[in-house]
Amino acid sequence: MAPRATWCVRRSFFWVLGVLTVAWCVLMWFGTRGASEVWMAVYRGAGFPEGYEVRGIDVSHYQGHINWERLSRAMVKDAPVRFAIVKATEGVSITDVNFEDNFRESRRHGLLRGAYHYFAPDVPASDQAAWFIQRVRLEPGDLPPVLDIENAGDLSLEDVHDAALTWLLLVEDHYDVKPILYTNLKFKRRYLSSADFKDYPFWIAHYYVKNVGWPGQWHFWQHTDRGRLPGIRGFVDFNVYNGSMYSLRRLCVRAENS
């Protein structure tokens, strides 16, 4: 075969291979996520679940410097931002670099504020609880502390169960309020669906769907990680509270719990 003909055949082969690879990726995406979820993710962006009057955000150093003055006047669809949950700690040695500023400024600008701990599976849960307690002082009117657990590492199902419960019980004992348990739907079903967790306020991450996939009781729904608001550069997580502003305030830390 002539050299040019050989080159043309090779180019056609790699072009067809590339098309087939892209097609396979698209099919896998639709197969694992479902057509409705993909449609919402691609065409609707963040989306706004209907029927919820209380909307809020959660933030960390990933949002960079936040202009809380602008953010306090922002609207999510047709509702103001009412609460902000701020990353505080991770593991046994990390404090989010923007925690102090975000925690102070969110309250100063009239938002209900909360603080969350990102669970590290490779260190004892009791030490992680102690680290959070050391770094976070909750005041009356603040949201309960939050355990963000979404990575099991090398832990077994029983290990994850025991670690999560250890953190929750120790933190509950210190602040005298039941912490909020945050995770995604898959993790909840696999690791945290036992009756031991049924009395803790549940905050679920489940993106680009019209309704929460958890059949039981839940309090917060993180419905997208691609929200945009004045005062924040880039994306921010959007959340709704499953209830009224009155019931959300009743969930907060009371004077005797400070």
C-alpha atoms as a PDB file:
ATOM      1  CA  MET A   1       0.000   0.000   0.000  1.00  0.00           C
ATOM      2  CA  ALA A   2       1.273   3.505  -0.820  1.00  0.00           C
ATOM      3  CA  PRO A   3       2.477   5.611   2.157  1.00  0.00           C
ATOM      4  CA  ARG A   4      -0.284   8.236   1.724  1.00  0.00           C
ATOM      5  CA  ALA A   5      -2.987   5.587   1.528  1.00  0.00           C
ATOM      6  CA  THR A   6      -1.616   3.978   4.690  1.00  0.00           C
ATOM      7  CA  TRP A   7      -1.702   7.337   6.486  1.00  0.00           C
ATOM      8  CA  CYS A   8      -5.319   7.917   5.424  1.00  0.00           C
ATOM      9  CA  VAL A   9      -6.365   4.496   6.706  1.00  0.00           C
ATOM     10  CA  ARG A  10      -4.671   5.114  10.051  1.00  0.00           C
ATOM     11  CA  ARG A  11      -6.281   8.535  10.403  1.00  0.00           C
ATOM     12  CA  SER A  12      -9.721   7.069   9.656  1.00  0.00           C
ATOM     13  CA  PHE A  13      -9.122   4.302  12.178  1.00  0.00           C
ATOM     14  CA  PHE A  14      -8.213   6.700  14.994  1.00  0.00           C
ATOM     15  CA  TRP A  15     -11.127   8.990  14.099  1.00  0.00           C
ATOM     16  CA  VAL A  16     -13.590   6.094  14.331  1.00  0.00           C
ATOM     17  CA  LEU A  17     -11.940   4.945  17.570  1.00  0.00           C
ATOM     18  CA  GLY A  18     -12.338   8.416  19.022  1.00  0.00           C
ATOM     19  CA  VAL A  19     -16.014   8.592  18.081  1.00  0.00           C
ATOM     20  CA  LEU A  20     -16.679   5.166  19.597  1.00  0.00           C
ATOM     21  CA  THR A  21     -14.893   6.180  22.807  1.00  0.00           C
ATOM     22  CA  VAL A  22     -16.994   9.320  23.161  1.00  0.00           C
ATOM     23  CA  ALA A  23     -20.172   7.359  22.440  1.00  0.00           C
ATOM     24  CA  TRP A  24     -19.227   4.777  25.089  1.00  0.00           C
ATOM     25  CA  CYS A  25     -18.624   7.506  27.674  1.00  0.00           C
ATOM     26  CA  VAL A  26     -22.005   9.088  26.922  1.00  0.00           C
ATOM     27  CA  LEU A  27     -23.771   5.738  27.238  1.00  0.00           C
ATOM     28  CA  MET A  28     -22.032   5.030  30.551  1.00  0.00           C
ATOM     29  CA  TRP A  29     -22.974   8.470  31.861  1.00  0.00           C
ATOM     30  CA  PHE A  30     -26.627   7.974  31.006  1.00  0.00           C
ATOM     31  CA  GLY A  31     -26.577   4.417  32.277  1.00  0.00           C
ATOM     32  CA  THR A  32     -25.187   5.268  35.700  1.00  0.00           C
ATOM     33  CA  ARG A  33     -26.957   8.561  36.349  1.00  0.00           C
ATOM     34  CA  GLY A  34     -30.236   8.323  34.512  1.00  0.00           C
ATOM     35  CA  ALA A  35     -31.501  10.452  31.667  1.00  0.00           C
ATOM     36  CA  SER A  36     -33.437  12.941  33.788  1.00  0.00           C
ATOM     37  CA  GLU A  37     -30.425  13.657  35.995  1.00  0.00           C
ATOM     38  CA  VAL A  38     -28.130  14.198  33.026  1.00  0.00           C
ATOM     39  CA  TRP A  39     -30.676  16.454  31.334  1.00  0.00           C
ATOM     40  CA  MET A  40     -30.947  18.658  34.425  1.00  0.00           C
ATOM     41  CA  ALA A  41     -27.196  18.757  34.919  1.00  0.00           C
ATOM     42  CA  VAL A  42     -26.444  19.786  31.329  1.00  0.00           C
ATOM     43  CA  TYR A  43     -29.354  22.039  30.465  1.00  0.00           C
ATOM     44  CA  ARG A  44     -30.797  23.348  33.728  1.00  0.00           C
ATOM     45  CA  GLY A  45     -27.621  24.029  35.646  1.00  0.00           C
ATOM     46  CA  ALA A  46     -28.238  24.422  39.365  1.00  0.00           C
ATOM     47  CA  GLY A  47     -32.007  24.050  39.287  1.00  0.00           C
ATOM     48  CA  PHE A  48     -34.402  25.152  42.028  1.00  0.00           C
ATOM     49  CA  PRO A  49     -36.580  22.549  43.768  1.00  0.00           C
ATOM     50  CA  GLU A  50     -40.146  23.749  44.144  1.00  0.00           C
ATOM     51  CA  GLY A  51     -42.127  23.945  47.360  1.00  0.00           C
ATOM     52  CA  TYR A  52     -39.404  25.058  49.799  1.00  0.00           C
ATOM     53  CA  GLU A  53     -39.450  28.470  51.443  1.00  0.00           C
ATOM     54  CA  VAL A  54     -36.127  28.319  53.306  1.00  0.00           C
ATOM     55  CA  ARG A  55     -32.956  28.282  51.200  1.00  0.00           C
ATOM     56  CA  GLY A  56     -29.312  28.431  52.175  1.00  0.00           C
ATOM     57  CA  ILE A  57     -25.718  27.661  51.256  1.00  0.00           C
ATOM     58  CA  ASP A  58     -22.651  25.927  52.634  1.00  0.00           C
ATOM     59  CA  VAL A  59     -19.171  27.360  52.165  1.00  0.00           C
ATOM     60  CA  SER A  60     -15.495  26.702  52.778  1.00  0.00           C
ATOM     61  CA  HIS A  61     -12.155  28.059  51.618  1.00  0.00           C
ATOM     62  CA  TYR A  62     -13.064  26.850  48.131  1.00  0.00           C
ATOM     63  CA  GLN A  63     -15.326  29.893  47.779  1.00  0.00           C
ATOM     64  CA  GLY A  64     -12.388  32.198  48.534  1.00  0.00           C
ATOM     65  CA  HIS A  65     -13.125  35.609  50.033  1.00  0.00           C
ATOM     66  CA  ILE A  66     -16.883  36.112  50.341  1.00  0.00           C
ATOM     67  CA  ASN A  67     -18.553  39.508  50.207  1.00  0.00           C
ATOM     68  CA  TRP A  68     -21.113  38.832  52.921  1.00  0.00           C
ATOM     69  CA  GLU A  69     -22.745  42.239  52.499  1.00  0.00           C
ATOM     70  CA  ARG A  70     -23.688  41.425  48.898  1.00  0.00           C
ATOM     71  CA  LEU A  71     -24.507  37.836  49.737  1.00  0.00           C
ATOM     72  CA  SER A  72     -26.894  38.841  52.520  1.00  0.00           C
ATOM     73  CA  ARG A  73     -29.045  40.655  49.921  1.00  0.00           C
ATOM     74  CA  ALA A  74     -28.891  37.845  47.350  1.00  0.00           C
ATOM     75  CA  MET A  75     -31.876  35.795  46.228  1.00  0.00           C
ATOM     76  CA  VAL A  76     -31.971  32.113  45.349  1.00  0.00           C
ATOM     77  CA  LYS A  77     -34.719  32.095  42.751  1.00  0.00           C
ATOM     78  CA  ASP A  78     -37.426  34.051  44.636  1.00  0.00           C
ATOM     79  CA  ALA A  79     -36.202  33.533  48.209  1.00  0.00           C
ATOM     80  CA  PRO A  80     -33.403  35.156  50.240  1.00  0.00           C
ATOM     81  CA  VAL A  81     -30.427  33.239  51.566  1.00  0.00           C
ATOM     82  CA  ARG A  82     -31.489  32.403  55.117  1.00  0.00           C
ATOM     83  CA  PHE A  83     -28.685  30.184  56.417  1.00  0.00           C
ATOM     84  CA  ALA A  84     -25.004  29.430  55.808  1.00  0.00           C
ATOM     85  CA  ILE A  85     -23.191  26.336  57.048  1.00  0.00           C
ATOM     86  CA  VAL A  86     -19.437  26.888  57.216  1.00  0.00           C
ATOM     87  CA  LYS A  87     -16.634  24.355  57.100  1.00  0.00           C
ATOM     88  CA  ALA A  88     -14.797  24.459  60.433  1.00  0.00           C
ATOM     89  CA  THR A  89     -12.525  21.464  60.823  1.00  0.00           C
ATOM     90  CA  GLU A  90     -11.243  18.288  59.205  1.00  0.00           C
ATOM     91  CA  GLY A  91      -9.585  15.289  60.815  1.00  0.00           C
ATOM     92  CA  VAL A  92      -7.632  16.143  63.960  1.00  0.00           C
ATOM     93  CA  SER A  93      -5.415  19.010  62.846  1.00  0.00           C
ATOM     94  CA  ILE A  94      -7.054  21.025  60.068  1.00  0.00           C
ATOM     95  CA  THR A  95      -9.090  24.180  60.527  1.00  0.00           C
ATOM     96  CA  ASP A  96     -10.506  25.736  57.368  1.00  0.00           C
ATOM     97  CA  VAL A  97      -8.477  28.874  56.657  1.00  0.00           C
ATOM     98  CA  ASN A  98     -11.632  30.943  56.131  1.00  0.00           C
ATOM     99  CA  PHE A  99     -13.637  29.516  59.015  1.00  0.00           C
ATOM    100  CA  GLU A 100     -13.247  32.377  61.479  1.00  0.00           C
ATOM    101  CA  ASP A 101     -14.151  35.040  58.904  1.00  0.00           C
ATOM    102  CA  ASN A 102     -17.047  33.111  57.408  1.00  0.00           C
ATOM    103  CA  PHE A 103     -18.472  32.081  60.766  1.00  0.00           C
ATOM    104  CA  ARG A 104     -18.305  35.621  62.153  1.00  0.00           C
ATOM    105  CA  GLU A 105     -19.512  37.455  59.047  1.00  0.00           C
ATOM    106  CA  SER A 106     -22.425  35.151  58.271  1.00  0.00           C
ATOM    107  CA  ARG A 107     -23.972  35.878  61.670  1.00  0.00           C
ATOM    108  CA  ARG A 108     -23.101  39.573  61.524  1.00  0.00           C
ATOM    109  CA  HIS A 109     -25.024  39.887  58.273  1.00  0.00           C
ATOM    110  CA  GLY A 110     -28.170  38.270  59.622  1.00  0.00           C
ATOM    111  CA  LEU A 111     -27.894  34.665  58.426  1.00  0.00           C
ATOM    112  CA  LEU A 112     -28.431  31.624  60.577  1.00  0.00           C
ATOM    113  CA  ARG A 113     -24.996  30.066  60.737  1.00  0.00           C
ATOM    114  CA  GLY A 114     -23.696  26.579  61.319  1.00  0.00           C
ATOM    115  CA  ALA A 115     -20.321  24.814  61.401  1.00  0.00           C
ATOM    116  CA  TYR A 116     -19.372  21.436  59.989  1.00  0.00           C
ATOM    117  CA  HIS A 117     -16.598  18.914  60.480  1.00  0.00           C
ATOM    118  CA  TYR A 118     -15.287  16.868  57.543  1.00  0.00           C
ATOM    119  CA  PHE A 119     -14.701  13.318  58.740  1.00  0.00           C
ATOM    120  CA  ALA A 120     -11.329  11.670  58.037  1.00  0.00           C
ATOM    121  CA  PRO A 121     -11.589   7.860  58.114  1.00  0.00           C
ATOM    122  CA  ASP A 122      -7.946   7.281  59.055  1.00  0.00           C
ATOM    123  CA  VAL A 123      -7.984   8.884  62.544  1.00  0.00           C
ATOM    124  CA  PRO A 124     -10.061   8.108  65.666  1.00  0.00           C
ATOM    125  CA  ALA A 125     -13.532   9.651  65.726  1.00  0.00           C
ATOM    126  CA  SER A 126     -13.144  10.626  69.391  1.00  0.00           C
ATOM    127  CA  ASP A 127     -10.084  12.727  68.550  1.00  0.00           C
ATOM    128  CA  GLN A 128     -11.948  14.340  65.676  1.00  0.00           C
ATOM    129  CA  ALA A 129     -14.818  15.258  67.984  1.00  0.00           C
ATOM    130  CA  ALA A 130     -12.364  16.784  70.460  1.00  0.00           C
ATOM    131  CA  TRP A 131     -10.740  18.827  67.679  1.00  0.00           C
ATOM    132  CA  PHE A 132     -14.089  20.221  66.535  1.00  0.00           C
ATOM    133  CA  ILE A 133     -15.111  21.083  70.097  1.00  0.00           C
ATOM    134  CA  GLN A 134     -11.788  22.819  70.652  1.00  0.00           C
ATOM    135  CA  ARG A 135     -12.143  24.992  67.551  1.00  0.00           C
ATOM    136  CA  VAL A 136     -15.884  25.788  67.446  1.00  0.00           C
ATOM    137  CA  ARG A 137     -17.868  27.810  69.962  1.00  0.00           C
ATOM    138  CA  LEU A 138     -21.559  27.770  69.167  1.00  0.00           C
ATOM    139  CA  GLU A 139     -23.817  30.545  70.427  1.00  0.00           C
ATOM    140  CA  PRO A 140     -27.569  30.653  71.021  1.00  0.00           C
ATOM    141  CA  GLY A 141     -29.312  30.885  67.664  1.00  0.00           C
ATOM    142  CA  ASP A 142     -26.647  28.944  65.777  1.00  0.00           C
ATOM    143  CA  LEU A 143     -27.509  25.787  63.878  1.00  0.00           C
ATOM    144  CA  PRO A 144     -26.447  22.477  65.462  1.00  0.00           C
ATOM    145  CA  PRO A 145     -22.953  21.171  64.679  1.00  0.00           C
ATOM    146  CA  VAL A 146     -22.656  19.076  61.535  1.00  0.00           C
ATOM    147  CA  LEU A 147     -20.791  15.845  60.815  1.00  0.00           C
ATOM    148  CA  ASP A 148     -19.903  15.622  57.117  1.00  0.00           C
ATOM    149  CA  ILE A 149     -19.115  11.959  56.487  1.00  0.00           C
ATOM    150  CA  GLU A 150     -18.879  10.724  52.911  1.00  0.00           C
ATOM    151  CA  ASN A 151     -15.612   8.762  52.717  1.00  0.00           C
ATOM    152  CA  ALA A 152     -15.180   5.343  54.344  1.00  0.00           C
ATOM    153  CA  GLY A 153     -11.539   4.835  53.409  1.00  0.00           C
ATOM    154  CA  ASP A 154     -10.537   1.333  54.541  1.00  0.00           C
ATOM    155  CA  LEU A 155     -13.193   1.149  57.250  1.00  0.00           C
ATOM    156  CA  SER A 156     -15.795  -1.581  57.292  1.00  0.00           C
ATOM    157  CA  LEU A 157     -19.511  -0.905  57.504  1.00  0.00           C
ATOM    158  CA  GLU A 158     -19.389  -1.553  61.249  1.00  0.00           C
ATOM    159  CA  ASP A 159     -16.373   0.727  61.668  1.00  0.00           C
ATOM    160  CA  VAL A 160     -18.098   3.592  59.872  1.00  0.00           C
ATOM    161  CA  HIS A 161     -21.236   3.099  61.937  1.00  0.00           C
ATOM    162  CA  ASP A 162     -19.290   3.148  65.213  1.00  0.00           C
ATOM    163  CA  ALA A 163     -17.091   6.097  64.219  1.00  0.00           C
ATOM    164  CA  ALA A 164     -20.020   8.259  63.134  1.00  0.00           C
ATOM    165  CA  LEU A 165     -21.980   7.429  66.273  1.00  0.00           C
ATOM    166  CA  THR A 166     -18.954   8.155  68.470  1.00  0.00           C
ATOM    167  CA  TRP A 167     -18.524  11.634  66.972  1.00  0.00           C
ATOM    168  CA  LEU A 168     -22.224  12.417  67.176  1.00  0.00           C
ATOM    169  CA  LEU A 169     -22.591  11.329  70.802  1.00  0.00           C
ATOM    170  CA  LEU A 170     -19.488  13.180  72.023  1.00  0.00           C
ATOM    171  CA  VAL A 171     -20.431  16.393  70.242  1.00  0.00           C
ATOM    172  CA  GLU A 172     -24.051  16.114  71.364  1.00  0.00           C
ATOM    173  CA  ASP A 173     -22.912  15.713  74.955  1.00  0.00           C
ATOM    174  CA  HIS A 174     -20.741  18.855  74.738  1.00  0.00           C
ATOM    175  CA  TYR A 175     -23.195  21.206  73.013  1.00  0.00           C
ATOM    176  CA  ASP A 176     -26.366  19.619  74.424  1.00  0.00           C
ATOM    177  CA  VAL A 177     -27.997  19.535  71.008  1.00  0.00           C
ATOM    178  CA  LYS A 178     -28.305  16.747  68.442  1.00  0.00           C
ATOM    179  CA  PRO A 179     -25.801  17.265  65.611  1.00  0.00           C
ATOM    180  CA  ILE A 180     -26.811  17.222  61.969  1.00  0.00           C
ATOM    181  CA  LEU A 181     -25.634  14.255  59.909  1.00  0.00           C
ATOM    182  CA  TYR A 182     -24.559  15.110  56.347  1.00  0.00           C
ATOM    183  CA  THR A 183     -23.828  12.590  53.614  1.00  0.00           C
ATOM    184  CA  ASN A 184     -24.819  11.604  50.093  1.00  0.00           C
ATOM    185  CA  LEU A 185     -27.611   9.205  49.231  1.00  0.00           C
ATOM    186  CA  LYS A 186     -25.361   6.268  48.312  1.00  0.00           C
ATOM    187  CA  PHE A 187     -23.298   6.573  51.518  1.00  0.00           C
ATOM    188  CA  LYS A 188     -26.422   6.919  53.649  1.00  0.00           C
ATOM    189  CA  ARG A 189     -27.927   3.762  52.231  1.00  0.00           C
ATOM    190  CA  ARG A 190     -24.731   1.742  52.582  1.00  0.00           C
ATOM    191  CA  TYR A 191     -23.357   2.881  55.935  1.00  0.00           C
ATOM    192  CA  LEU A 192     -25.752   5.067  57.920  1.00  0.00           C
ATOM    193  CA  SER A 193     -29.243   3.665  57.525  1.00  0.00           C
ATOM    194  CA  SER A 194     -29.476   1.909  60.902  1.00  0.00           C
ATOM    195  CA  ALA A 195     -31.955   2.971  63.563  1.00  0.00           C
ATOM    196  CA  ASP A 196     -29.090   4.469  65.609  1.00  0.00           C
ATOM    197  CA  PHE A 197     -29.126   7.520  63.324  1.00  0.00           C
ATOM    198  CA  LYS A 198     -32.868   8.047  62.926  1.00  0.00           C
ATOM    199  CA  ASP A 199     -33.124  10.781  65.572  1.00  0.00           C
ATOM    200  CA  TYR A 200     -30.365  12.966  64.116  1.00  0.00           C
ATOM    201  CA  PRO A 201     -31.338  15.731  61.680  1.00  0.00           C
ATOM    202  CA  PHE A 202     -30.391  14.433  58.258  1.00  0.00           C
ATOM    203  CA  TRP A 203     -28.798  16.598  55.557  1.00  0.00           C
ATOM    204  CA  ILE A 204     -28.637  14.804  52.218  1.00  0.00           C
ATOM    205  CA  ALA A 205     -26.567  15.598  49.128  1.00  0.00           C
ATOM    206  CA  HIS A 206     -28.480  14.518  46.016  1.00  0.00           C
ATOM    207  CA  TYR A 207     -27.899  16.539  42.857  1.00  0.00           C
ATOM    208  CA  TYR A 208     -29.902  17.273  39.692  1.00  0.00           C
ATOM    209  CA  VAL A 209     -33.063  15.456  40.673  1.00  0.00           C
ATOM    210  CA  LYS A 210     -36.563  16.773  41.225  1.00  0.00           C
ATOM    211  CA  ASN A 211     -37.065  15.023  44.546  1.00  0.00           C
ATOM    212  CA  VAL A 212     -34.907  13.643  47.330  1.00  0.00           C
ATOM    213  CA  GLY A 213     -34.302   9.929  46.869  1.00  0.00           C
ATOM    214  CA  TRP A 214     -34.325   9.120  50.593  1.00  0.00           C
ATOM    215  CA  PRO A 215     -37.701   7.674  51.650  1.00  0.00           C
ATOM    216  CA  GLY A 216     -37.316   8.555  55.332  1.00  0.00           C
ATOM    217  CA  GLN A 217     -37.257  11.798  57.246  1.00  0.00           C
ATOM    218  CA  TRP A 218     -34.771  14.501  56.235  1.00  0.00           C
ATOM    219  CA  HIS A 219     -34.162  18.135  57.195  1.00  0.00           C
ATOM    220  CA  PHE A 220     -31.767  19.616  54.614  1.00  0.00           C
ATOM    221  CA  TRP A 221     -31.223  18.888  50.943  1.00  0.00           C
ATOM    222  CA  GLN A 222     -28.041  19.951  49.137  1.00  0.00           C
ATOM    223  CA  HIS A 223     -29.492  19.864  45.649  1.00  0.00           C
ATOM    224  CA  THR A 224     -26.601  21.263  43.610  1.00  0.00           C
ATOM    225  CA  ASP A 225     -22.923  22.144  43.814  1.00  0.00           C
ATOM    226  CA  ARG A 226     -23.150  24.591  40.913  1.00  0.00           C
ATOM    227  CA  GLY A 227     -25.086  27.525  42.327  1.00  0.00           C
ATOM    228  CA  ARG A 228     -24.039  31.123  41.694  1.00  0.00           C
ATOM    229  CA  LEU A 229     -24.711  34.146  43.876  1.00  0.00           C
ATOM    230  CA  PRO A 230     -23.553  37.761  44.150  1.00  0.00           C
ATOM    231  CA  GLY A 231     -20.683  38.018  46.630  1.00  0.00           C
ATOM    232  CA  ILE A 232     -19.177  34.629  45.740  1.00  0.00           C
ATOM    233  CA  ARG A 233     -16.824  33.988  42.876  1.00  0.00           C
ATOM    234  CA  GLY A 234     -17.375  30.639  41.254  1.00  0.00           C
ATOM    235  CA  PHE A 235     -19.808  27.949  42.316  1.00  0.00           C
ATOM    236  CA  VAL A 236     -21.435  27.392  45.687  1.00  0.00           C
ATOM    237  CA  ASP A 237     -23.649  24.617  47.090  1.00  0.00           C
ATOM    238  CA  PHE A 238     -27.389  25.370  47.267  1.00  0.00           C
ATOM    239  CA  ASN A 239     -29.561  23.844  49.975  1.00  0.00           C
ATOM    240  CA  VAL A 240     -33.183  23.851  51.047  1.00  0.00           C
ATOM    241  CA  TYR A 241     -34.619  23.248  54.503  1.00  0.00           C
ATOM    242  CA  ASN A 242     -37.558  20.866  54.707  1.00  0.00           C
ATOM    243  CA  GLY A 243     -39.788  23.062  56.830  1.00  0.00           C
ATOM    244  CA  SER A 244     -40.588  26.610  57.851  1.00  0.00           C
ATOM    245  CA  MET A 245     -38.279  29.297  59.143  1.00  0.00           C
ATOM    246  CA  TYR A 246     -39.994  28.913  62.493  1.00  0.00           C
ATOM    247  CA  SER A 247     -39.135  25.214  62.719  1.00  0.00           C
ATOM    248  CA  LEU A 248     -35.565  25.897  61.589  1.00  0.00           C
ATOM    249  CA  ARG A 249     -35.102  28.389  64.419  1.00  0.00           C
ATOM    250  CA  ARG A 250     -36.440  25.813  66.874  1.00  0.00           C
ATOM    251  CA  LEU A 251     -33.734  23.425  65.656  1.00  0.00           C
ATOM    252  CA  CYS A 252     -31.026  25.936  66.612  1.00  0.00           C
ATOM    253  CA  VAL A 253     -28.923  26.034  69.768  1.00  0.00           C
ATOM    254  CA  ARG A 254     -30.788  27.512  72.701  1.00  0.00           C
ATOM    255  CA  ALA A 255     -29.432  29.725  75.475  1.00  0.00           C
ATOM    256  CA  GLU A 256     -28.956  26.878  77.942  1.00  0.00           C
ATOM    257  CA  ASN A 257     -26.941  24.966  75.330  1.00  0.00           C
ATOM    258  CA  SER A 258     -24.204  27.587  74.984  1.00  0.00           C
END
